Amino acid sequence: MSKKLWGGRFNKPTDPSVEEFTRSIQYDYKLAKYDILGSVVHVEILGKARYLKPKEVSKIQAALFKIGEGKFLPDGSYEDVHSQIQDSLEQKVGELALKLHTARSRNDQVVFATKVYCKDKLAEVAALGEGVVSALKSLAKANRDVIMPGFTHMQHAQPMYLKDYLGAYAMMLENVIDKVKIAASDIKLTMGAGAVAGTPIDAKYYNVSMDKYAKKLGLGLTGLKLEPTKNSIYTVSDRGFVAEALNVTAIIATHLSRFAEDLIIWSTKEFDFIDIDEAFCTGSSLMPQKKNADALEMIRGCAGRLYGNRMGFLVVIKGLPLSYNRDMQLDKEPLFDSFETVIKELKVLKGLVRTLKFNKDKIESQLDDESLYATDIVYYLVNKGVAFKTAHAIVGKLVKYSIDNGIEIKSMTDHELYRFSDKFKSKEIVRLFDPKVSVESKKSIKRN
């Protein structure tokens, strides 16, 4: 059995079932570089506090950087990633490695590594999200003159610009990307909590700039500043930053799921509004004609999993007494899964959006539906002095008459229109059934 970071008080070995049940190396190995960063910084602090000599600091840090090179390969015989790194360090520098844990606890160590991981992944999510926003804006610009039927309750509502539809999703993502960036900036990196009550090292030694270390470990993070803990109990027990990371990834998943659902519907033969590039579709093992939007369906489906990650974590954490409890180990899997899933989704969606084609003729044919212009007729009457409620009722009866008798409103004579209101003029009504006239009549929208 591999070495543990504890055990002096025990005479018996841990029962194998407990070893298996509590082991986390199979997933927390993903924290390796972030944990090594924390150890490198901690060594600098130990040197400043004179727990380590300058040569010892250099030797341990060099060994840690060596461990952090390349891809970290987890060893399943270890309890967790922290134990494996500690043991690897002992193999490189011998008993000197035993000094690394001075003024340190895994309680504080795990929090630090998880926080840096979150900062790193939140930055990646923000960058990828901005890539999707850029793709949406480019698609909107390329189709800026396309008018389509807008929908409410999945029914034809009013004509709208396709660029406004795409812009709506771009704005949703921009809004949550702002939240992602705030979540990252709100994470304060601290050390000095120890297990729960702090350490003997003076707080001034915990003010460390970490950018040079992060760069050497291949982490694309800048502006990393370590601070002394202001409340050691808070540091080791708070997981609000995990909850926030799970929250923003769940919100992103919601927006992506809704967009995916629209595209799935629009790709059906019944709509035929879009053509999804073959590179983002799959076929059927039985039906040779099929072109399935599987990637979009997966994006839609994964939203539920991310909701489960968020809620499951909150349920785990809700009843824990202060300060650290082993239950907190269970934050890692949902956290890793949510980040990895959203990152994959954003990468796929960027490429899909950039290759998306719109069937403009099919979209235009849908604009022949007269019901799309009913509200424009209401405002036509309002502008002639009719109260809105009265105009609404008049147009509702006009639409029903048109449907019941199979007569288009724009083909009705003045005599037929006068049955509903003497304000109607057939020549004026016909002009209202122009999609361009309809969309441009909406003045409240501040378009760029």
Protein backbone atom coordinates (compact mmCIF):
# COMPACT_ATOMS: atom_id res chain seq x y z
CA MET A 1 0.00 0.00 0.00
CA SER A 2 1.26 3.49 -0.85
CA LYS A 3 2.22 5.98 1.83
CA LYS A 4 -0.39 8.21 3.40
CA LEU A 5 -0.15 11.76 4.63
CA TRP A 6 -1.40 10.53 8.02
CA GLY A 7 -1.35 7.35 10.10
CA GLY A 8 0.96 7.83 13.10
CA ARG A 9 -1.91 7.53 15.55
CA PHE A 10 -3.15 4.23 14.06
CA ASN A 11 -2.01 0.69 14.81
CA LYS A 12 -4.28 -1.05 12.34
CA PRO A 13 -4.27 -0.68 8.56
CA THR A 14 -7.35 0.79 6.93
CA ASP A 15 -9.91 -1.85 5.98
CA PRO A 16 -9.71 -2.51 2.21
CA SER A 17 -13.40 -1.64 1.79
CA VAL A 18 -12.80 1.76 3.38
CA GLU A 19 -9.72 2.27 1.20
CA GLU A 20 -11.79 1.60 -1.88
CA PHE A 21 -14.77 3.67 -0.72
CA THR A 22 -12.82 6.80 0.23
CA ARG A 23 -10.20 6.78 -2.53
CA SER A 24 -10.40 9.80 -4.85
CA ILE A 25 -7.25 9.47 -6.99
CA GLN A 26 -9.38 8.15 -9.87
CA TYR A 27 -10.81 11.64 -10.39
CA ASP A 28 -8.87 14.16 -8.31
CA TYR A 29 -5.70 13.48 -10.33
CA LYS A 30 -7.10 16.27 -12.51
CA LEU A 31 -6.01 18.65 -9.77
CA ALA A 32 -2.35 17.58 -10.06
CA LYS A 33 -0.87 20.73 -11.62
CA TYR A 34 -2.96 22.98 -9.43
CA ASP A 35 -1.85 21.07 -6.34
CA ILE A 36 1.78 21.26 -7.47
CA LEU A 37 1.37 25.01 -7.93
CA GLY A 38 0.17 25.23 -4.34
CA SER A 39 3.11 23.16 -3.12
CA VAL A 40 5.63 25.31 -5.00
CA VAL A 41 4.12 28.44 -3.46
CA HIS A 42 4.01 26.84 -0.02
CA VAL A 43 7.71 26.01 -0.30
CA GLU A 44 8.45 29.69 -1.01
CA ILE A 45 6.48 30.61 2.11
CA LEU A 46 8.36 28.05 4.20
CA GLY A 47 11.59 29.57 2.95
CA LYS A 48 10.51 33.10 3.89
CA ALA A 49 9.50 31.86 7.33
CA ARG A 50 12.88 30.06 7.65
CA TYR A 51 11.45 26.60 7.97
CA LEU A 52 13.48 25.79 4.86
CA LYS A 53 16.93 26.95 3.77
CA PRO A 54 17.29 28.62 0.34
CA LYS A 55 18.97 25.52 -1.12
CA GLU A 56 16.16 23.34 0.21
CA VAL A 57 13.57 25.63 -1.35
CA SER A 58 15.28 25.42 -4.73
CA LYS A 59 15.68 21.66 -4.53
CA ILE A 60 12.07 20.96 -3.60
CA GLN A 61 10.66 23.40 -6.13
CA ALA A 62 12.80 21.95 -8.93
CA ALA A 63 11.57 18.46 -8.07
CA LEU A 64 7.94 19.62 -7.99
CA PHE A 65 8.28 21.24 -11.41
CA LYS A 66 9.75 17.99 -12.70
CA ILE A 67 6.74 16.08 -11.36
CA GLY A 68 4.47 18.60 -13.06
CA GLU A 69 6.03 18.17 -16.49
CA GLY A 70 3.92 16.53 -19.15
CA LYS A 71 0.79 14.54 -18.46
CA PHE A 72 0.25 13.44 -14.88
CA LEU A 73 -0.48 9.72 -14.69
CA PRO A 74 -2.53 8.72 -11.64
CA ASP A 75 -1.60 5.64 -9.63
CA GLY A 76 -4.68 3.88 -8.30
CA SER A 77 -2.85 2.57 -5.25
CA TYR A 78 -2.78 6.06 -3.72
CA GLU A 79 -5.52 7.56 -1.61
CA ASP A 80 -5.57 10.84 -3.52
CA VAL A 81 -3.50 13.02 -5.83
CA HIS A 82 -1.91 14.85 -2.90
CA SER A 83 -0.51 11.59 -1.51
CA GLN A 84 0.88 10.55 -4.88
CA ILE A 85 2.63 13.88 -5.41
CA GLN A 86 4.07 13.79 -1.90
CA ASP A 87 5.40 10.26 -2.46
CA SER A 88 6.82 11.23 -5.86
CA LEU A 89 8.61 14.13 -4.19
CA GLU A 90 10.10 11.81 -1.56
CA GLN A 91 11.46 9.59 -4.33
CA LYS A 92 13.23 12.62 -5.83
CA VAL A 93 14.53 14.51 -2.77
CA GLY A 94 14.36 11.93 0.00
CA GLU A 95 13.56 12.95 3.56
CA LEU A 96 13.65 16.63 2.65
CA ALA A 97 10.18 16.11 1.20
CA LEU A 98 8.89 15.42 4.72
CA LYS A 99 9.28 19.11 5.50
CA LEU A 100 6.79 20.12 2.79
CA HIS A 101 3.79 19.52 5.00
CA THR A 102 5.00 21.97 7.66
CA ALA A 103 2.21 24.44 8.52
CA ARG A 104 -0.10 22.74 6.05
CA SER A 105 -3.17 20.53 5.99
CA ARG A 106 -4.91 18.77 3.15
CA ASN A 107 -8.01 20.73 4.21
CA ASP A 108 -6.34 23.96 3.08
CA GLN A 109 -4.41 22.28 0.28
CA VAL A 110 -7.50 20.83 -1.41
CA VAL A 111 -9.35 24.14 -1.29
CA PHE A 112 -6.45 25.97 -2.90
CA ALA A 113 -6.07 23.44 -5.73
CA THR A 114 -9.82 23.37 -6.39
CA LYS A 115 -10.00 27.16 -6.48
CA VAL A 116 -7.19 27.46 -9.02
CA TYR A 117 -8.81 24.69 -11.08
CA CYS A 118 -12.08 26.64 -11.06
CA LYS A 119 -10.33 29.85 -12.09
CA ASP A 120 -8.63 28.03 -14.95
CA LYS A 121 -11.79 26.31 -16.22
CA LEU A 122 -13.98 29.40 -15.80
CA ALA A 123 -11.50 31.32 -17.95
CA GLU A 124 -11.63 28.56 -20.58
CA VAL A 125 -15.44 28.51 -20.53
CA ALA A 126 -15.56 32.30 -20.92
CA ALA A 127 -13.18 32.21 -23.90
CA LEU A 128 -15.07 29.38 -25.61
CA GLY A 129 -18.39 31.08 -24.89
CA GLU A 130 -17.12 34.25 -26.54
CA GLY A 131 -16.17 32.12 -29.55
CA VAL A 132 -19.76 30.89 -29.87
CA VAL A 133 -21.06 34.45 -29.47
CA SER A 134 -18.74 35.57 -32.25
CA ALA A 135 -19.99 32.73 -34.48
CA LEU A 136 -23.61 33.70 -33.79
CA LYS A 137 -22.93 37.35 -34.62
CA SER A 138 -21.15 36.40 -37.83
CA LEU A 139 -24.09 34.18 -38.81
CA ALA A 140 -26.52 37.00 -38.01
CA LYS A 141 -24.51 39.45 -40.10
CA ALA A 142 -24.41 37.06 -43.06
CA ASN A 143 -28.22 36.75 -42.87
CA ARG A 144 -29.00 40.29 -41.74
CA ASP A 145 -31.79 40.82 -44.28
CA VAL A 146 -33.56 37.51 -43.69
CA ILE A 147 -37.01 37.82 -42.15
CA MET A 148 -38.64 34.80 -40.55
CA PRO A 149 -41.80 33.99 -38.63
CA GLY A 150 -41.40 34.56 -34.92
CA PHE A 151 -42.95 32.08 -32.51
CA THR A 152 -44.68 32.15 -29.17
CA HIS A 153 -46.15 28.94 -27.73
CA MET A 154 -44.63 27.25 -30.82
CA GLN A 155 -47.25 29.05 -32.95
CA HIS A 156 -46.71 31.72 -35.58
CA ALA A 157 -46.60 35.09 -33.85
CA GLN A 158 -45.12 38.00 -35.82
CA PRO A 159 -42.45 38.49 -38.48
CA MET A 160 -38.97 39.09 -37.10
CA TYR A 161 -35.41 39.41 -38.29
CA LEU A 162 -33.37 36.24 -38.14
CA LYS A 163 -30.49 38.41 -36.91
CA ASP A 164 -32.59 39.34 -33.87
CA TYR A 165 -33.31 35.70 -33.13
CA LEU A 166 -29.62 34.82 -33.28
CA GLY A 167 -28.82 37.99 -31.37
CA ALA A 168 -31.09 36.86 -28.54
CA TYR A 169 -28.96 33.77 -27.94
CA ALA A 170 -25.78 35.82 -28.31
CA MET A 171 -27.03 38.18 -25.60
CA MET A 172 -28.00 35.27 -23.32
CA LEU A 173 -24.51 33.88 -23.60
CA GLU A 174 -22.88 37.29 -23.17
CA ASN A 175 -24.85 37.77 -19.98
CA VAL A 176 -23.82 34.46 -18.47
CA ILE A 177 -20.21 34.91 -19.65
CA ASP A 178 -20.16 38.06 -17.55
CA LYS A 179 -21.30 35.92 -14.62
CA VAL A 180 -18.56 33.39 -15.39
CA LYS A 181 -15.93 36.12 -15.25
CA ILE A 182 -17.35 37.48 -12.01
CA ALA A 183 -17.36 33.98 -10.52
CA ALA A 184 -13.68 33.63 -11.43
CA SER A 185 -12.68 37.03 -10.05
CA ASP A 186 -14.60 36.38 -6.82
CA ILE A 187 -12.41 33.36 -6.03
CA LYS A 188 -9.73 34.53 -3.60
CA LEU A 189 -6.63 32.34 -3.33
CA THR A 190 -5.47 32.04 0.25
CA MET A 191 -3.22 29.88 2.39
CA GLY A 192 -2.55 29.69 6.08
CA ALA A 193 -5.76 28.06 7.26
CA GLY A 194 -4.02 24.84 8.24
CA ALA A 195 -6.56 22.24 9.25
CA VAL A 196 -8.95 24.78 10.76
CA ALA A 197 -7.20 27.12 13.22
CA GLY A 198 -4.36 28.68 11.18
CA THR A 199 -0.59 28.12 11.29
CA PRO A 200 2.44 29.54 13.18
CA ILE A 201 3.66 31.34 10.02
CA ASP A 202 3.23 35.12 10.03
CA ALA A 203 0.46 36.30 7.70
CA LYS A 204 2.85 38.64 5.84
CA TYR A 205 4.65 35.69 4.29
CA TYR A 206 1.49 34.55 2.51
CA ASN A 207 1.46 37.51 0.11
CA VAL A 208 2.93 35.84 -2.97
CA SER A 209 2.67 36.49 -6.72
CA MET A 210 2.18 33.16 -8.47
CA ASP A 211 2.23 33.98 -12.18
CA LYS A 212 5.81 32.84 -12.76
CA TYR A 213 5.04 29.48 -11.17
CA ALA A 214 1.79 29.04 -13.10
CA LYS A 215 3.59 29.79 -16.38
CA LYS A 216 6.34 27.27 -15.61
CA LEU A 217 3.68 24.62 -14.97
CA GLY A 218 2.00 25.39 -18.29
CA LEU A 219 -1.09 26.99 -16.79
CA GLY A 220 -2.49 29.84 -18.85
CA LEU A 221 -3.45 31.92 -15.85
CA THR A 222 -2.23 35.40 -15.00
CA GLY A 223 -2.88 37.80 -12.17
CA LEU A 224 -2.74 35.04 -9.57
CA LYS A 225 -2.20 36.60 -6.18
CA LEU A 226 -1.98 34.63 -2.96
CA GLU A 227 -3.26 36.25 0.21
CA PRO A 228 -3.26 35.18 3.87
CA THR A 229 -6.53 33.71 5.05
CA LYS A 230 -8.81 36.11 6.90
CA ASN A 231 -10.81 33.35 8.52
CA SER A 232 -9.32 29.87 8.61
CA ILE A 233 -12.65 28.19 9.39
CA TYR A 234 -14.26 29.84 6.37
CA THR A 235 -11.35 28.88 4.12
CA VAL A 236 -11.48 25.15 4.77
CA SER A 237 -15.26 24.80 4.98
CA ASP A 238 -16.73 27.14 2.36
CA ARG A 239 -17.63 25.68 -1.03
CA GLY A 240 -19.68 28.58 -2.31
CA PHE A 241 -17.25 28.97 -5.20
CA VAL A 242 -17.99 25.40 -6.28
CA ALA A 243 -21.72 26.08 -6.11
CA GLU A 244 -21.25 29.21 -8.24
CA ALA A 245 -19.21 27.31 -10.83
CA LEU A 246 -21.90 24.64 -11.01
CA ASN A 247 -24.53 27.36 -11.25
CA VAL A 248 -23.00 29.27 -14.17
CA THR A 249 -22.25 26.08 -16.10
CA ALA A 250 -25.86 24.98 -15.58
CA ILE A 251 -27.11 28.35 -16.90
CA ILE A 252 -24.89 28.01 -19.96
CA ALA A 253 -26.22 24.49 -20.48
CA THR A 254 -29.75 25.88 -20.33
CA HIS A 255 -29.10 28.43 -23.08
CA LEU A 256 -27.30 25.88 -25.25
CA SER A 257 -30.09 23.36 -24.75
CA ARG A 258 -32.76 25.84 -25.85
CA PHE A 259 -30.74 26.81 -28.91
CA ALA A 260 -30.14 23.15 -29.73
CA GLU A 261 -33.86 22.44 -29.45
CA ASP A 262 -34.70 25.25 -31.89
CA LEU A 263 -32.14 23.99 -34.39
CA ILE A 264 -33.37 20.42 -34.05
CA ILE A 265 -36.92 21.53 -34.80
CA TRP A 266 -35.82 23.75 -37.67
CA SER A 267 -33.86 20.89 -39.24
CA THR A 268 -36.94 18.66 -39.52
CA LYS A 269 -38.69 18.15 -42.87
CA GLU A 270 -41.75 19.86 -41.41
CA PHE A 271 -39.79 23.11 -40.96
CA ASP A 272 -36.75 22.69 -43.21
CA PHE A 273 -35.44 26.10 -42.17
CA ILE A 274 -31.81 25.02 -41.85
CA ASP A 275 -29.24 22.62 -43.17
CA ILE A 276 -26.78 21.34 -40.57
CA ASP A 277 -23.38 20.48 -41.96
CA GLU A 278 -22.80 16.74 -42.29
CA ALA A 279 -19.71 17.01 -40.11
CA PHE A 280 -22.00 17.68 -37.15
CA CYS A 281 -24.58 14.97 -37.87
CA THR A 282 -24.71 11.19 -37.73
CA GLY A 283 -26.57 8.52 -39.66
CA SER A 284 -28.70 5.49 -38.88
CA SER A 285 -27.51 1.90 -38.67
CA LEU A 286 -30.79 0.82 -40.30
CA MET A 287 -32.17 3.71 -42.35
CA PRO A 288 -29.68 4.89 -44.99
CA GLN A 289 -31.45 8.19 -45.66
CA LYS A 290 -31.14 9.54 -42.12
CA LYS A 291 -29.16 12.64 -41.20
CA ASN A 292 -29.56 13.05 -37.46
CA ALA A 293 -28.65 16.10 -35.37
CA ASP A 294 -27.12 13.91 -32.66
CA ALA A 295 -24.66 16.55 -31.42
CA LEU A 296 -27.52 18.97 -30.76
CA GLU A 297 -29.54 16.24 -29.08
CA MET A 298 -26.60 15.52 -26.78
CA ILE A 299 -26.31 19.21 -25.92
CA ARG A 300 -30.01 19.23 -25.09
CA GLY A 301 -29.73 16.06 -23.03
CA CYS A 302 -26.63 17.07 -21.08
CA ALA A 303 -28.42 20.06 -19.59
CA GLY A 304 -30.27 17.70 -17.28
CA ARG A 305 -27.02 16.17 -16.11
CA LEU A 306 -25.58 19.57 -15.24
CA TYR A 307 -28.71 20.44 -13.27
CA GLY A 308 -28.23 17.18 -11.40
CA ASN A 309 -24.59 18.05 -10.67
CA ARG A 310 -25.58 21.41 -9.22
CA MET A 311 -28.46 20.14 -7.13
CA GLY A 312 -26.64 17.02 -5.99
CA PHE A 313 -23.74 19.07 -4.70
CA LEU A 314 -26.01 21.49 -2.84
CA VAL A 315 -27.78 18.59 -1.16
CA VAL A 316 -24.42 17.15 -0.03
CA ILE A 317 -23.22 20.44 1.41
CA LYS A 318 -26.43 21.77 2.96
CA GLY A 319 -26.27 20.07 6.35
CA LEU A 320 -22.54 19.98 7.06
CA PRO A 321 -21.35 21.45 10.36
CA LEU A 322 -18.23 23.61 10.38
CA SER A 323 -15.57 23.13 9.43
CA TYR A 324 -14.10 20.47 7.10
CA ASN A 325 -15.89 17.14 6.58
CA ARG A 326 -15.00 14.31 4.21
CA ASP A 327 -18.34 14.79 2.47
CA MET A 328 -16.67 17.72 0.73
CA GLN A 329 -14.66 15.27 -1.34
CA LEU A 330 -17.88 14.69 -3.26
CA ASP A 331 -17.72 18.13 -4.87
CA LYS A 332 -15.03 17.05 -7.34
CA GLU A 333 -16.85 14.69 -9.68
CA PRO A 334 -19.84 16.95 -10.39
CA LEU A 335 -17.53 19.95 -10.71
CA PHE A 336 -15.20 18.21 -13.16
CA ASP A 337 -18.10 16.76 -15.13
CA SER A 338 -19.92 20.08 -15.49
CA PHE A 339 -16.85 21.92 -16.72
CA GLU A 340 -15.80 19.15 -19.10
CA THR A 341 -19.31 18.83 -20.52
CA VAL A 342 -19.85 22.55 -21.11
CA ILE A 343 -16.39 22.92 -22.65
CA LYS A 344 -17.13 20.09 -25.10
CA GLU A 345 -20.53 21.59 -25.93
CA LEU A 346 -19.12 25.03 -26.66
CA LYS A 347 -16.41 23.59 -28.91
CA VAL A 348 -18.97 21.61 -30.91
CA LEU A 349 -21.47 24.43 -31.14
CA LYS A 350 -18.96 26.97 -32.41
CA GLY A 351 -18.15 24.78 -35.41
CA LEU A 352 -21.78 23.89 -36.00
CA VAL A 353 -22.90 27.53 -36.01
CA ARG A 354 -20.10 28.58 -38.35
CA THR A 355 -21.22 25.99 -40.94
CA LEU A 356 -25.00 26.42 -40.52
CA LYS A 357 -27.00 27.18 -43.68
CA PHE A 358 -30.48 28.68 -43.86
CA ASN A 359 -33.04 27.63 -46.44
CA LYS A 360 -34.19 31.16 -47.24
CA ASP A 361 -36.87 30.18 -49.76
CA LYS A 362 -38.50 27.84 -47.26
CA ILE A 363 -38.40 30.49 -44.53
CA GLU A 364 -39.84 33.09 -46.89
CA SER A 365 -42.74 30.81 -47.86
CA GLN A 366 -43.78 30.71 -44.20
CA LEU A 367 -44.23 34.48 -44.25
CA ASP A 368 -47.30 34.06 -46.47
CA ASP A 369 -49.26 33.14 -43.35
CA GLU A 370 -51.59 36.11 -42.83
CA SER A 371 -51.93 35.45 -39.10
CA LEU A 372 -48.41 36.81 -38.70
CA TYR A 373 -49.69 40.30 -39.53
CA ALA A 374 -52.77 40.35 -37.31
CA THR A 375 -51.09 42.58 -34.74
CA ASP A 376 -50.04 45.00 -37.48
CA ILE A 377 -53.72 45.30 -38.46
CA VAL A 378 -54.61 46.02 -34.83
CA TYR A 379 -52.13 48.91 -34.79
CA TYR A 380 -53.48 50.08 -38.14
CA LEU A 381 -56.86 50.56 -36.43
CA VAL A 382 -55.27 52.08 -33.32
CA ASN A 383 -53.56 54.67 -35.50
CA LYS A 384 -57.01 55.55 -36.86
CA GLY A 385 -58.32 56.29 -33.36
CA VAL A 386 -59.76 52.88 -32.38
CA ALA A 387 -59.08 51.77 -28.79
CA PHE A 388 -56.58 48.92 -28.65
CA LYS A 389 -58.96 46.49 -26.91
CA THR A 390 -61.67 47.22 -29.46
CA ALA A 391 -59.22 46.88 -32.35
CA HIS A 392 -57.98 43.57 -30.90
CA ALA A 393 -61.53 42.18 -30.87
CA ILE A 394 -62.23 43.44 -34.40
CA VAL A 395 -59.14 41.81 -35.86
CA GLY A 396 -59.82 38.60 -33.97
CA LYS A 397 -63.25 38.37 -35.65
CA LEU A 398 -61.71 39.28 -39.00
CA VAL A 399 -59.14 36.47 -38.71
CA LYS A 400 -61.82 33.95 -37.74
CA TYR A 401 -63.99 35.01 -40.68
CA SER A 402 -60.99 34.60 -42.99
CA ILE A 403 -60.27 31.09 -41.68
CA ASP A 404 -63.89 29.91 -41.63
CA ASN A 405 -64.56 31.07 -45.17
CA GLY A 406 -61.20 30.34 -46.73
CA ILE A 407 -60.75 33.95 -47.81
CA GLU A 408 -57.46 35.82 -47.51
CA ILE A 409 -57.76 39.14 -45.72
CA LYS A 410 -55.61 40.92 -48.29
CA SER A 411 -58.00 39.83 -51.06
CA MET A 412 -61.13 41.13 -49.30
CA THR A 413 -63.03 44.04 -50.79
CA ASP A 414 -63.80 47.23 -48.90
CA HIS A 415 -67.38 46.02 -48.61
CA GLU A 416 -66.27 42.84 -46.83
CA LEU A 417 -63.86 44.72 -44.59
CA TYR A 418 -66.51 47.29 -43.61
CA ARG A 419 -68.45 44.47 -41.94
CA PHE A 420 -65.79 44.61 -39.23
CA SER A 421 -64.81 48.31 -39.23
CA ASP A 422 -65.45 51.33 -41.44
CA LYS A 423 -61.82 52.32 -40.78
CA PHE A 424 -60.55 49.60 -43.11
CA LYS A 425 -59.33 50.46 -46.61
CA SER A 426 -58.41 47.45 -48.74
CA LYS A 427 -55.54 49.25 -50.50
CA GLU A 428 -54.03 50.18 -47.13
CA ILE A 429 -54.55 46.70 -45.66
CA VAL A 430 -52.69 44.98 -48.49
CA ARG A 431 -49.52 46.93 -47.71
CA LEU A 432 -49.53 45.58 -44.15
CA PHE A 433 -48.82 42.04 -45.35
CA ASP A 434 -45.26 42.93 -46.23
CA PRO A 435 -42.70 41.30 -43.85
CA LYS A 436 -40.32 44.21 -44.28
CA VAL A 437 -43.03 46.74 -43.40
CA SER A 438 -43.95 44.66 -40.36
CA VAL A 439 -40.46 44.35 -38.87
CA GLU A 440 -39.50 47.93 -39.59
CA SER A 441 -42.66 49.21 -37.90
CA LYS A 442 -41.25 48.06 -34.54
CA LYS A 443 -39.43 51.16 -33.31
CA SER A 444 -38.73 50.13 -29.72
CA ILE A 445 -35.84 47.84 -30.67
CA LYS A 446 -32.48 49.59 -30.47
CA ARG A 447 -30.52 47.74 -33.13
CA ASN A 448 -26.82 48.28 -33.72
